[in-house]
PDB file of N, CA and C in Angstrom:
ATOM      1  N   MET A   1       1.406  28.632  -3.435  1.00  0.00           N
ATOM      2  CA  MET A   1       0.220  28.636  -2.990  1.00  0.00           C
ATOM      3  C   MET A   1      -0.002  28.811  -1.918  1.00  0.00           C
ATOM      4  N   MET A   2      -0.579  30.120  -1.430  1.00  0.00           N
ATOM      5  CA  MET A   2      -0.656  30.797   0.022  1.00  0.00           C
ATOM      6  C   MET A   2      -2.083  30.223   0.833  1.00  0.00           C
ATOM      7  N   ASN A   3      -1.771  29.390   1.732  1.00  0.00           N
ATOM      8  CA  ASN A   3      -3.259  29.000   2.435  1.00  0.00           C
ATOM      9  C   ASN A   3      -4.036  28.053   1.949  1.00  0.00           C
ATOM     10  N   PRO A   4      -3.570  26.825   0.934  1.00  0.00           N
ATOM     11  CA  PRO A   4      -4.142  25.634   0.724  1.00  0.00           C
ATOM     12  C   PRO A   4      -4.793  25.242   1.766  1.00  0.00           C
ATOM     13  N   SER A   5      -6.243  24.342   1.588  1.00  0.00           N
ATOM     14  CA  SER A   5      -6.609  23.909   2.299  1.00  0.00           C
ATOM     15  C   SER A   5      -5.760  22.689   3.009  1.00  0.00           C
ATOM     16  N   ILE A   6      -6.418  22.058   4.025  1.00  0.00           N
ATOM     17  CA  ILE A   6      -5.306  21.046   4.471  1.00  0.00           C
ATOM     18  C   ILE A   6      -5.587  19.852   3.831  1.00  0.00           C
ATOM     19  N   GLU A   7      -6.848  19.584   2.653  1.00  0.00           N
ATOM     20  CA  GLU A   7      -7.192  18.617   1.904  1.00  0.00           C
ATOM     21  C   GLU A   7      -5.839  18.582   0.892  1.00  0.00           C
ATOM     22  N   GLU A   8      -5.732  20.223   0.513  1.00  0.00           N
ATOM     23  CA  GLU A   8      -4.510  19.908  -0.681  1.00  0.00           C
ATOM     24  C   GLU A   8      -2.917  19.831  -0.284  1.00  0.00           C
ATOM     25  N   ILE A   9      -2.903  19.816   1.159  1.00  0.00           N
ATOM     26  CA  ILE A   9      -1.763  19.716   2.034  1.00  0.00           C
ATOM     27  C   ILE A   9      -1.938  17.756   1.767  1.00  0.00           C
ATOM     28  N   THR A  10      -2.710  17.437   2.345  1.00  0.00           N
ATOM     29  CA  THR A  10      -2.945  15.746   2.519  1.00  0.00           C
ATOM     30  C   THR A  10      -2.826  15.429   0.967  1.00  0.00           C
ATOM     31  N   ASN A  11      -3.175  15.774   0.029  1.00  0.00           N
ATOM     32  CA  ASN A  11      -3.209  15.185  -1.217  1.00  0.00           C
ATOM     33  C   ASN A  11      -2.079  15.248  -1.814  1.00  0.00           C
ATOM     34  N   TRP A  12      -1.012  16.491  -1.422  1.00  0.00           N
ATOM     35  CA  TRP A  12       0.453  16.274  -1.890  1.00  0.00           C
ATOM     36  C   TRP A  12       1.407  15.352  -1.253  1.00  0.00           C
ATOM     37  N   LEU A  13       0.789  15.143   0.254  1.00  0.00           N
ATOM     38  CA  LEU A  13       1.602  14.306   0.976  1.00  0.00           C
ATOM     39  C   LEU A  13       1.246  12.833   0.477  1.00  0.00           C
ATOM     40  N   GLU A  14      -0.033  12.237   0.340  1.00  0.00           N
ATOM     41  CA  GLU A  14      -0.420  11.450  -0.500  1.00  0.00           C
ATOM     42  C   GLU A  14       0.548  10.548  -1.847  1.00  0.00           C
ATOM     43  N   SER A  15       0.438  11.568  -2.348  1.00  0.00           N
ATOM     44  CA  SER A  15       1.320  11.767  -3.494  1.00  0.00           C
ATOM     45  C   SER A  15       2.590  11.248  -3.786  1.00  0.00           C
ATOM     46  N   LYS A  16       2.997  11.415  -2.718  1.00  0.00           N
ATOM     47  CA  LYS A  16       4.732  11.401  -2.096  1.00  0.00           C
ATOM     48  C   LYS A  16       4.969   9.535  -1.144  1.00  0.00           C
ATOM     49  N   SER A  17       3.581   9.154  -0.894  1.00  0.00           N
ATOM     50  CA  SER A  17       3.651   7.918  -0.342  1.00  0.00           C
ATOM     51  C   SER A  17       5.052   6.790  -1.214  1.00  0.00           C
ATOM     52  N   SER A  18       5.723   6.335  -0.274  1.00  0.00           N
ATOM     53  CA  SER A  18       6.792   5.323  -0.735  1.00  0.00           C
ATOM     54  C   SER A  18       7.996   6.148  -0.808  1.00  0.00           C
ATOM     55  N   HIS A  19       7.877   7.940  -0.603  1.00  0.00           N
ATOM     56  CA  HIS A  19       9.003   8.674  -1.273  1.00  0.00           C
ATOM     57  C   HIS A  19       9.773   8.632   0.114  1.00  0.00           C
ATOM     58  N   THR A  20      10.871   9.225   0.109  1.00  0.00           N
ATOM     59  CA  THR A  20      11.704   9.932   1.358  1.00  0.00           C
ATOM     60  C   THR A  20      11.502  11.240   1.323  1.00  0.00           C
ATOM     61  N   LEU A  21      10.836  11.418   2.761  1.00  0.00           N
ATOM     62  CA  LEU A  21      10.654  12.780   3.077  1.00  0.00           C
ATOM     63  C   LEU A  21      11.530  13.200   4.052  1.00  0.00           C
ATOM     64  N   HIS A  22      12.394  14.522   3.682  1.00  0.00           N
ATOM     65  CA  HIS A  22      12.877  15.421   4.457  1.00  0.00           C
ATOM     66  C   HIS A  22      12.872  16.377   4.992  1.00  0.00           C
ATOM     67  N   ILE A  23      12.186  16.203   6.435  1.00  0.00           N
ATOM     68  CA  ILE A  23      11.581  17.570   7.261  1.00  0.00           C
ATOM     69  C   ILE A  23      12.368  18.202   8.052  1.00  0.00           C
ATOM     70  N   SER A  24      12.174  19.175   8.168  1.00  0.00           N
ATOM     71  CA  SER A  24      12.830  20.145   8.761  1.00  0.00           C
ATOM     72  C   SER A  24      11.981  21.354   9.508  1.00  0.00           C
ATOM     73  N   LYS A  25      12.048  21.288  10.935  1.00  0.00           N
ATOM     74  CA  LYS A  25      11.649  21.350  12.039  1.00  0.00           C
ATOM     75  C   LYS A  25      11.700  22.819  12.942  1.00  0.00           C
ATOM     76  N   GLU A  26      11.613  24.094  12.285  1.00  0.00           N
ATOM     77  CA  GLU A  26      12.225  25.021  12.716  1.00  0.00           C
ATOM     78  C   GLU A  26      11.232  25.882  14.567  1.00  0.00           C
ATOM     79  N   GLU A  27      11.578  25.179  15.603  1.00  0.00           N
ATOM     80  CA  GLU A  27      10.462  25.947  16.435  1.00  0.00           C
ATOM     81  C   GLU A  27      11.140  26.272  17.451  1.00  0.00           C
ATOM     82  N   ASP A  28      10.823  27.849  17.920  1.00  0.00           N
ATOM     83  CA  ASP A  28      11.596  28.304  18.931  1.00  0.00           C
ATOM     84  C   ASP A  28      12.638  28.203  18.987  1.00  0.00           C
ATOM     85  N   LYS A  29      13.616  28.613  18.205  1.00  0.00           N
ATOM     86  CA  LYS A  29      15.185  29.042  17.453  1.00  0.00           C
ATOM     87  C   LYS A  29      15.659  27.381  18.004  1.00  0.00           C
ATOM     88  N   ASP A  30      14.743  26.286  18.103  1.00  0.00           N
ATOM     89  CA  ASP A  30      15.286  24.933  17.803  1.00  0.00           C
ATOM     90  C   ASP A  30      14.817  24.397  16.413  1.00  0.00           C
ATOM     91  N   GLN A  31      16.135  23.407  15.833  1.00  0.00           N
ATOM     92  CA  GLN A  31      15.816  23.318  14.702  1.00  0.00           C
ATOM     93  C   GLN A  31      15.786  21.505  14.910  1.00  0.00           C
ATOM     94  N   ASP A  32      14.873  20.815  13.937  1.00  0.00           N
ATOM     95  CA  ASP A  32      14.918  19.399  14.191  1.00  0.00           C
ATOM     96  C   ASP A  32      15.126  18.806  12.620  1.00  0.00           C
ATOM     97  N   GLN A  33      16.198  18.050  12.009  1.00  0.00           N
ATOM     98  CA  GLN A  33      15.597  17.117  11.144  1.00  0.00           C
ATOM     99  C   GLN A  33      15.664  15.921  11.167  1.00  0.00           C
ATOM    100  N   ILE A  34      14.465  15.450  10.143  1.00  0.00           N
ATOM    101  CA  ILE A  34      13.747  14.405   9.830  1.00  0.00           C
ATOM    102  C   ILE A  34      13.762  13.654   8.840  1.00  0.00           C
ATOM    103  N   GLU A  35      14.308  12.071   8.717  1.00  0.00           N
ATOM    104  CA  GLU A  35      14.280  11.484   7.619  1.00  0.00           C
ATOM    105  C   GLU A  35      13.081  10.458   8.046  1.00  0.00           C
ATOM    106  N   LEU A  36      12.386  10.383   6.830  1.00  0.00           N
ATOM    107  CA  LEU A  36      11.171   9.369   6.915  1.00  0.00           C
ATOM    108  C   LEU A  36      10.944   8.750   5.649  1.00  0.00           C
ATOM    109  N   GLN A  37      10.516   7.738   5.658  1.00  0.00           N
ATOM    110  CA  GLN A  37       9.970   6.622   4.416  1.00  0.00           C
ATOM    111  C   GLN A  37       8.559   6.691   4.679  1.00  0.00           C
ATOM    112  N   LEU A  38       7.997   7.618   4.037  1.00  0.00           N
ATOM    113  CA  LEU A  38       6.486   7.468   4.100  1.00  0.00           C
ATOM    114  C   LEU A  38       6.182   6.586   3.513  1.00  0.00           C
ATOM    115  N   GLU A  39       5.017   5.678   4.222  1.00  0.00           N
ATOM    116  CA  GLU A  39       4.103   4.553   4.173  1.00  0.00           C
ATOM    117  C   GLU A  39       2.763   4.913   3.883  1.00  0.00           C
ATOM    118  N   ARG A  40       2.130   5.993   4.970  1.00  0.00           N
ATOM    119  CA  ARG A  40       0.800   6.461   4.586  1.00  0.00           C
ATOM    120  C   ARG A  40       0.974   7.785   5.923  1.00  0.00           C
ATOM    121  N   LEU A  41      -0.259   8.432   5.380  1.00  0.00           N
ATOM    122  CA  LEU A  41      -0.653   9.267   6.305  1.00  0.00           C
ATOM    123  C   LEU A  41      -1.858   9.528   6.860  1.00  0.00           C
ATOM    124  N   GLU A  42      -2.383  10.277   8.009  1.00  0.00           N
ATOM    125  CA  GLU A  42      -3.742  10.204   8.715  1.00  0.00           C
ATOM    126  C   GLU A  42      -3.767  11.961   9.081  1.00  0.00           C
ATOM    127  N   HIS A  43      -4.804  12.435   9.032  1.00  0.00           N
ATOM    128  CA  HIS A  43      -5.364  13.518   9.540  1.00  0.00           C
ATOM    129  C   HIS A  43      -5.992  13.468  10.566  1.00  0.00           C
ATOM    130  N   HIS A  44      -5.805  13.767  11.962  1.00  0.00           N
ATOM    131  CA  HIS A  44      -6.640  13.513  12.883  1.00  0.00           C
ATOM    132  C   HIS A  44      -7.094  14.998  13.209  1.00  0.00           C
ATOM    133  N   GLN A  45      -8.334  14.966  13.920  1.00  0.00           N
ATOM    134  CA  GLN A  45      -9.006  16.000  14.227  1.00  0.00           C
ATOM    135  C   GLN A  45      -9.791  15.665  15.565  1.00  0.00           C
ATOM    136  N   HIS A  46      -9.638  16.327  16.237  1.00  0.00           N
ATOM    137  CA  HIS A  46     -10.476  16.205  17.665  1.00  0.00           C
ATOM    138  C   HIS A  46     -11.127  17.387  18.083  1.00  0.00           C
ATOM    139  N   GLN A  47     -12.484  17.478  18.875  1.00  0.00           N
ATOM    140  CA  GLN A  47     -12.855  18.336  19.283  1.00  0.00           C
ATOM    141  C   GLN A  47     -12.960  19.083  20.429  1.00  0.00           C
ATOM    142  N   GLU A  48     -11.978  18.664  21.258  1.00  0.00           N
ATOM    143  CA  GLU A  48     -11.370  19.091  22.108  1.00  0.00           C
ATOM    144  C   GLU A  48     -10.290  19.198  22.617  1.00  0.00           C
ATOM    145  N   PRO A  49      -9.596  20.355  23.010  1.00  0.00           N
ATOM    146  CA  PRO A  49      -8.137  20.072  23.080  1.00  0.00           C
ATOM    147  C   PRO A  49      -7.626  19.299  24.056  1.00  0.00           C
ATOM    148  N   SER A  50      -6.560  18.921  24.312  1.00  0.00           N
ATOM    149  CA  SER A  50      -5.922  18.189  25.303  1.00  0.00           C
ATOM    150  C   SER A  50      -5.951  18.447  26.776  1.00  0.00           C
ATOM    151  N   ILE A  51      -5.604  17.744  27.560  1.00  0.00           N
ATOM    152  CA  ILE A  51      -5.663  18.699  29.133  1.00  0.00           C
ATOM    153  C   ILE A  51      -5.018  19.351  29.048  1.00  0.00           C
ATOM    154  N   ASP A  52      -3.289  18.819  28.538  1.00  0.00           N
ATOM    155  CA  ASP A  52      -2.165  19.843  29.393  1.00  0.00           C
ATOM    156  C   ASP A  52      -2.389  20.733  28.163  1.00  0.00           C
ATOM    157  N   GLY A  53      -2.870  20.842  27.397  1.00  0.00           N
ATOM    158  CA  GLY A  53      -3.188  21.856  26.396  1.00  0.00           C
ATOM    159  C   GLY A  53      -2.114  21.938  25.188  1.00  0.00           C
ATOM    160  N   TYR A  54      -1.049  20.920  25.485  1.00  0.00           N
ATOM    161  CA  TYR A  54      -0.091  20.643  24.438  1.00  0.00           C
ATOM    162  C   TYR A  54      -0.483  19.793  22.940  1.00  0.00           C
ATOM    163  N   GLY A  55      -1.492  18.913  23.017  1.00  0.00           N
ATOM    164  CA  GLY A  55      -1.634  18.591  21.879  1.00  0.00           C
ATOM    165  C   GLY A  55      -2.747  19.101  20.983  1.00  0.00           C
ATOM    166  N   ASP A  56      -2.407  18.852  19.741  1.00  0.00           N
ATOM    167  CA  ASP A  56      -3.084  19.855  18.325  1.00  0.00           C
ATOM    168  C   ASP A  56      -4.701  19.441  18.637  1.00  0.00           C
ATOM    169  N   ARG A  57      -5.591  19.883  18.162  1.00  0.00           N
ATOM    170  CA  ARG A  57      -7.086  20.088  17.893  1.00  0.00           C
ATOM    171  C   ARG A  57      -6.965  19.031  16.393  1.00  0.00           C
ATOM    172  N   SER A  58      -5.687  19.185  15.537  1.00  0.00           N
ATOM    173  CA  SER A  58      -5.888  18.875  14.137  1.00  0.00           C
ATOM    174  C   SER A  58      -4.499  18.627  13.923  1.00  0.00           C
ATOM    175  N   ALA A  59      -3.989  17.509  13.507  1.00  0.00           N
ATOM    176  CA  ALA A  59      -2.423  17.065  13.174  1.00  0.00           C
ATOM    177  C   ALA A  59      -2.327  16.551  12.091  1.00  0.00           C
ATOM    178  N   LEU A  60      -1.145  16.212  11.262  1.00  0.00           N
ATOM    179  CA  LEU A  60      -0.905  15.154  10.253  1.00  0.00           C
ATOM    180  C   LEU A  60       0.050  13.920  11.360  1.00  0.00           C
ATOM    181  N   LEU A  61      -0.703  12.537  11.236  1.00  0.00           N
ATOM    182  CA  LEU A  61       0.552  11.665  11.253  1.00  0.00           C
ATOM    183  C   LEU A  61       0.846  11.207  10.072  1.00  0.00           C
ATOM    184  N   LEU A  62       2.569  11.575  10.174  1.00  0.00           N
ATOM    185  CA  LEU A  62       3.208  10.858   8.682  1.00  0.00           C
ATOM    186  C   LEU A  62       3.704   9.079   9.502  1.00  0.00           C
ATOM    187  N   HIS A  63       3.540   8.447   8.475  1.00  0.00           N
ATOM    188  CA  HIS A  63       3.873   7.027   9.078  1.00  0.00           C
ATOM    189  C   HIS A  63       4.605   6.555   8.566  1.00  0.00           C
ATOM    190  N   GLY A  64       5.663   5.906   9.160  1.00  0.00           N
ATOM    191  CA  GLY A  64       6.694   5.216   8.185  1.00  0.00           C
ATOM    192  C   GLY A  64       8.304   5.106   8.738  1.00  0.00           C
ATOM    193  N   SER A  65       8.775   4.504   8.651  1.00  0.00           N
ATOM    194  CA  SER A  65      10.606   4.204   9.515  1.00  0.00           C
ATOM    195  C   SER A  65      11.136   5.574   8.971  1.00  0.00           C
ATOM    196  N   GLY A  66      11.877   5.787   9.843  1.00  0.00           N
ATOM    197  CA  GLY A  66      12.628   7.151  10.219  1.00  0.00           C
ATOM    198  C   GLY A  66      13.918   7.514  10.921  1.00  0.00           C
ATOM    199  N   VAL A  67      14.430   8.265  11.475  1.00  0.00           N
ATOM    200  CA  VAL A  67      15.204   9.217  11.932  1.00  0.00           C
ATOM    201  C   VAL A  67      14.821  10.107  12.400  1.00  0.00           C
ATOM    202  N   VAL A  68      15.215  11.064  13.715  1.00  0.00           N
ATOM    203  CA  VAL A  68      15.384  12.448  14.121  1.00  0.00           C
ATOM    204  C   VAL A  68      17.013  12.572  14.501  1.00  0.00           C
ATOM    205  N   MET A  69      17.296  13.969  13.860  1.00  0.00           N
ATOM    206  CA  MET A  69      18.626  14.666  14.098  1.00  0.00           C
ATOM    207  C   MET A  69      18.477  15.796  14.588  1.00  0.00           C
ATOM    208  N   THR A  70      19.038  15.790  16.199  1.00  0.00           N
ATOM    209  CA  THR A  70      19.114  17.006  16.929  1.00  0.00           C
ATOM    210  C   THR A  70      20.404  17.352  17.100  1.00  0.00           C
ATOM    211  N   ALA A  71      20.954  18.278  17.409  1.00  0.00           N
ATOM    212  CA  ALA A  71      21.826  18.467  17.747  1.00  0.00           C
ATOM    213  C   ALA A  71      23.011  18.145  17.837  1.00  0.00           C
ATOM    214  N   GLY A  72      23.183  17.472  16.313  1.00  0.00           N
ATOM    215  CA  GLY A  72      24.501  16.270  16.295  1.00  0.00           C
ATOM    216  C   GLY A  72      24.161  14.940  16.821  1.00  0.00           C
ATOM    217  N   HIS A  73      22.785  14.669  17.098  1.00  0.00           N
ATOM    218  CA  HIS A  73      22.375  13.320  17.424  1.00  0.00           C
ATOM    219  C   HIS A  73      21.464  12.581  16.625  1.00  0.00           C
ATOM    220  N   THR A  74      21.296  11.406  16.187  1.00  0.00           N
ATOM    221  CA  THR A  74      20.464  10.765  15.469  1.00  0.00           C
ATOM    222  C   THR A  74      19.677   9.811  16.258  1.00  0.00           C
ATOM    223  N   ALA A  75      18.432   9.355  16.113  1.00  0.00           N
ATOM    224  CA  ALA A  75      17.725   8.228  16.865  1.00  0.00           C
ATOM    225  C   ALA A  75      16.678   7.973  16.020  1.00  0.00           C
ATOM    226  N   PRO A  76      16.273   7.203  16.104  1.00  0.00           N
ATOM    227  CA  PRO A  76      15.225   6.121  15.388  1.00  0.00           C
ATOM    228  C   PRO A  76      13.699   7.180  15.588  1.00  0.00           C
ATOM    229  N   LEU A  77      12.986   7.195  14.996  1.00  0.00           N
ATOM    230  CA  LEU A  77      11.934   7.698  14.891  1.00  0.00           C
ATOM    231  C   LEU A  77      10.810   7.089  16.309  1.00  0.00           C
ATOM    232  N   PRO A  78      10.584   7.742  17.390  1.00  0.00           N
ATOM    233  CA  PRO A  78       9.549   6.743  17.651  1.00  0.00           C
ATOM    234  C   PRO A  78       8.142   6.577  17.384  1.00  0.00           C
ATOM    235  N   THR A  79       8.071   5.329  17.493  1.00  0.00           N
ATOM    236  CA  THR A  79       6.688   4.673  17.140  1.00  0.00           C
ATOM    237  C   THR A  79       6.706   4.304  15.549  1.00  0.00           C
ATOM    238  N   ASN A  80       7.647   4.747  14.962  1.00  0.00           N
ATOM    239  CA  ASN A  80       7.109   4.685  13.705  1.00  0.00           C
ATOM    240  C   ASN A  80       6.383   5.948  12.959  1.00  0.00           C
ATOM    241  N   ALA A  81       6.178   6.968  13.268  1.00  0.00           N
ATOM    242  CA  ALA A  81       5.608   8.083  12.906  1.00  0.00           C
ATOM    243  C   ALA A  81       6.063   9.490  13.809  1.00  0.00           C
ATOM    244  N   TYR A  82       5.534  10.489  12.538  1.00  0.00           N
ATOM    245  CA  TYR A  82       5.992  11.826  12.913  1.00  0.00           C
ATOM    246  C   TYR A  82       4.668  13.014  12.819  1.00  0.00           C
ATOM    247  N   VAL A  83       4.519  13.768  14.171  1.00  0.00           N
ATOM    248  CA  VAL A  83       2.922  14.623  14.392  1.00  0.00           C
ATOM    249  C   VAL A  83       3.274  15.961  13.433  1.00  0.00           C
ATOM    250  N   ILE A  84       2.562  16.172  12.978  1.00  0.00           N
ATOM    251  CA  ILE A  84       2.876  17.704  12.491  1.00  0.00           C
ATOM    252  C   ILE A  84       1.520  18.211  13.210  1.00  0.00           C
ATOM    253  N   GLY A  85       1.413  19.418  14.296  1.00  0.00           N
ATOM    254  CA  GLY A  85       0.537  20.146  14.759  1.00  0.00           C
ATOM    255  C   GLY A  85      -0.034  21.003  13.483  1.00  0.00           C
ATOM    256  N   LEU A  86      -1.257  20.979  13.233  1.00  0.00           N
ATOM    257  CA  LEU A  86      -1.763  22.022  12.242  1.00  0.00           C
ATOM    258  C   LEU A  86      -2.553  23.187  13.197  1.00  0.00           C
ATOM    259  N   ASP A  87      -2.493  23.323  14.092  1.00  0.00           N
ATOM    260  CA  ASP A  87      -3.682  24.677  14.909  1.00  0.00           C
ATOM    261  C   ASP A  87      -2.807  25.625  14.690  1.00  0.00           C
ATOM    262  N   GLY A  88      -3.104  26.572  14.425  1.00  0.00           N
ATOM    263  CA  GLY A  88      -2.805  28.135  14.324  1.00  0.00           C
ATOM    264  C   GLY A  88      -2.055  27.880  12.640  1.00  0.00           C
ATOM    265  N   LEU A  89      -2.286  26.929  11.646  1.00  0.00           N
ATOM    266  CA  LEU A  89      -2.182  27.068  10.562  1.00  0.00           C
ATOM    267  C   LEU A  89      -1.850  28.273   9.614  1.00  0.00           C
ATOM    268  N   LYS A  90      -0.607  29.037   9.383  1.00  0.00           N
ATOM    269  CA  LYS A  90      -0.968  30.523   9.059  1.00  0.00           C
ATOM    270  C   LYS A  90      -0.837  30.409   7.780  1.00  0.00           C
ATOM    271  N   ALA A  91       0.258  29.848   7.107  1.00  0.00           N
ATOM    272  CA  ALA A  91       0.220  29.858   5.710  1.00  0.00           C
ATOM    273  C   ALA A  91       0.876  28.377   5.295  1.00  0.00           C
ATOM    274  N   ALA A  92       0.650  27.795   4.397  1.00  0.00           N
ATOM    275  CA  ALA A  92       1.240  26.875   3.311  1.00  0.00           C
ATOM    276  C   ALA A  92       1.668  27.436   1.995  1.00  0.00           C
ATOM    277  N   GLU A  93       2.868  26.783   1.382  1.00  0.00           N
ATOM    278  CA  GLU A  93       2.883  26.785  -0.134  1.00  0.00           C
ATOM    279  C   GLU A  93       3.404  25.170  -0.338  1.00  0.00           C
ATOM    280  N   ILE A  94       2.468  25.048  -1.450  1.00  0.00           N
ATOM    281  CA  ILE A  94       2.667  23.559  -2.020  1.00  0.00           C
ATOM    282  C   ILE A  94       3.597  23.829  -3.137  1.00  0.00           C
ATOM    283  N   HIS A  95       4.654  23.143  -3.040  1.00  0.00           N
ATOM    284  CA  HIS A  95       5.479  23.227  -4.748  1.00  0.00           C
ATOM    285  C   HIS A  95       5.633  21.659  -5.071  1.00  0.00           C
ATOM    286  N   ASP A  96       5.851  21.406  -6.541  1.00  0.00           N
ATOM    287  CA  ASP A  96       6.323  19.694  -6.740  1.00  0.00           C
ATOM    288  C   ASP A  96       7.019  19.008  -6.332  1.00  0.00           C
ATOM    289  N   ASN A  97       8.026  19.579  -5.341  1.00  0.00           N
ATOM    290  CA  ASN A  97       8.758  18.432  -4.749  1.00  0.00           C
ATOM    291  C   ASN A  97       8.975  19.086  -3.203  1.00  0.00           C
ATOM    292  N   HIS A  98       8.085  20.406  -2.547  1.00  0.00           N
ATOM    293  CA  HIS A  98       8.604  20.717  -1.298  1.00  0.00           C
ATOM    294  C   HIS A  98       7.465  21.105  -0.788  1.00  0.00           C
ATOM    295  N   VAL A  99       6.905  21.504   0.371  1.00  0.00           N
ATOM    296  CA  VAL A  99       5.871  21.844   0.667  1.00  0.00           C
ATOM    297  C   VAL A  99       6.361  22.359   2.400  1.00  0.00           C
ATOM    298  N   VAL A 100       5.879  24.270   2.291  1.00  0.00           N
ATOM    299  CA  VAL A 100       6.636  24.819   3.829  1.00  0.00           C
ATOM    300  C   VAL A 100       4.801  25.341   3.904  1.00  0.00           C
ATOM    301  N   LEU A 101       4.974  24.612   5.803  1.00  0.00           N
ATOM    302  CA  LEU A 101       4.010  24.820   6.516  1.00  0.00           C
ATOM    303  C   LEU A 101       4.597  25.660   7.500  1.00  0.00           C
ATOM    304  N   THR A 102       3.357  26.802   7.894  1.00  0.00           N
ATOM    305  CA  THR A 102       3.578  27.595   9.305  1.00  0.00           C
ATOM    306  C   THR A 102       2.894  27.703  10.361  1.00  0.00           C
ATOM    307  N   THR A 103       2.840  27.236  11.149  1.00  0.00           N
ATOM    308  CA  THR A 103       1.656  27.646  12.253  1.00  0.00           C
ATOM    309  C   THR A 103       2.412  28.694  13.454  1.00  0.00           C
ATOM    310  N   GLU A 104       1.632  28.376  14.339  1.00  0.00           N
ATOM    311  CA  GLU A 104       1.634  29.903  15.357  1.00  0.00           C
ATOM    312  C   GLU A 104       3.576  29.088  16.422  1.00  0.00           C
ATOM    313  N   ARG A 105       3.231  27.669  16.044  1.00  0.00           N
ATOM    314  CA  ARG A 105       4.767  26.908  16.789  1.00  0.00           C
ATOM    315  C   ARG A 105       5.984  27.107  16.442  1.00  0.00           C
ATOM    316  N   GLY A 106       6.149  27.444  14.820  1.00  0.00           N
ATOM    317  CA  GLY A 106       6.968  26.846  14.120  1.00  0.00           C
ATOM    318  C   GLY A 106       6.674  26.521  12.357  1.00  0.00           C
ATOM    319  N   THR A 107       7.619  26.370  11.671  1.00  0.00           N
ATOM    320  CA  THR A 107       7.743  25.901  10.307  1.00  0.00           C
ATOM    321  C   THR A 107       8.396  24.775  10.263  1.00  0.00           C
ATOM    322  N   TYR A 108       7.601  24.060   8.989  1.00  0.00           N
ATOM    323  CA  TYR A 108       7.924  22.896   9.214  1.00  0.00           C
ATOM    324  C   TYR A 108       8.075  22.953   7.034  1.00  0.00           C
ATOM    325  N   THR A 109       9.535  22.338   6.618  1.00  0.00           N
ATOM    326  CA  THR A 109       9.815  22.170   5.274  1.00  0.00           C
ATOM    327  C   THR A 109       9.811  20.831   4.882  1.00  0.00           C
ATOM    328  N   ILE A 110       9.164  20.499   3.820  1.00  0.00           N
ATOM    329  CA  ILE A 110       8.799  18.749   3.685  1.00  0.00           C
ATOM    330  C   ILE A 110       9.350  18.642   2.077  1.00  0.00           C
ATOM    331  N   LYS A 111      10.439  18.231   1.963  1.00  0.00           N
ATOM    332  CA  LYS A 111      10.780  17.903   0.682  1.00  0.00           C
ATOM    333  C   LYS A 111      10.897  16.335   0.498  1.00  0.00           C
ATOM    334  N   ALA A 112      10.735  16.137  -0.936  1.00  0.00           N
ATOM    335  CA  ALA A 112      10.372  14.674  -1.118  1.00  0.00           C
ATOM    336  C   ALA A 112      11.330  14.338  -2.254  1.00  0.00           C
ATOM    337  N   THR A 113      12.075  13.296  -1.896  1.00  0.00           N
ATOM    338  CA  THR A 113      12.940  12.855  -2.756  1.00  0.00           C
ATOM    339  C   THR A 113      12.500  11.151  -3.170  1.00  0.00           C
TER     340      THR A 113
END
């Protein structure tokens, strides 16, 4: 499904609560791998952009314990939450066991196990 609503994306993620999510983020030729035991999620919306222009007006916060794997290093997920910025969401594909989100900044592939 191309360009589903944010509600459809959050519904898919909510259906994966208590599952392990394997998130691959590709942004500016950089790739990160995140493994997260999803406990809950939030959809945050702000009317104004952040002062530094980095924060997104719309974002998904995936709460749960997990790890981040970058360039051969593994570290605990800071604050037990992972943020996916949705500003500039260009496309989204929802399948039974995975979702692919494409934004202006990068591509996120989320697989549930």
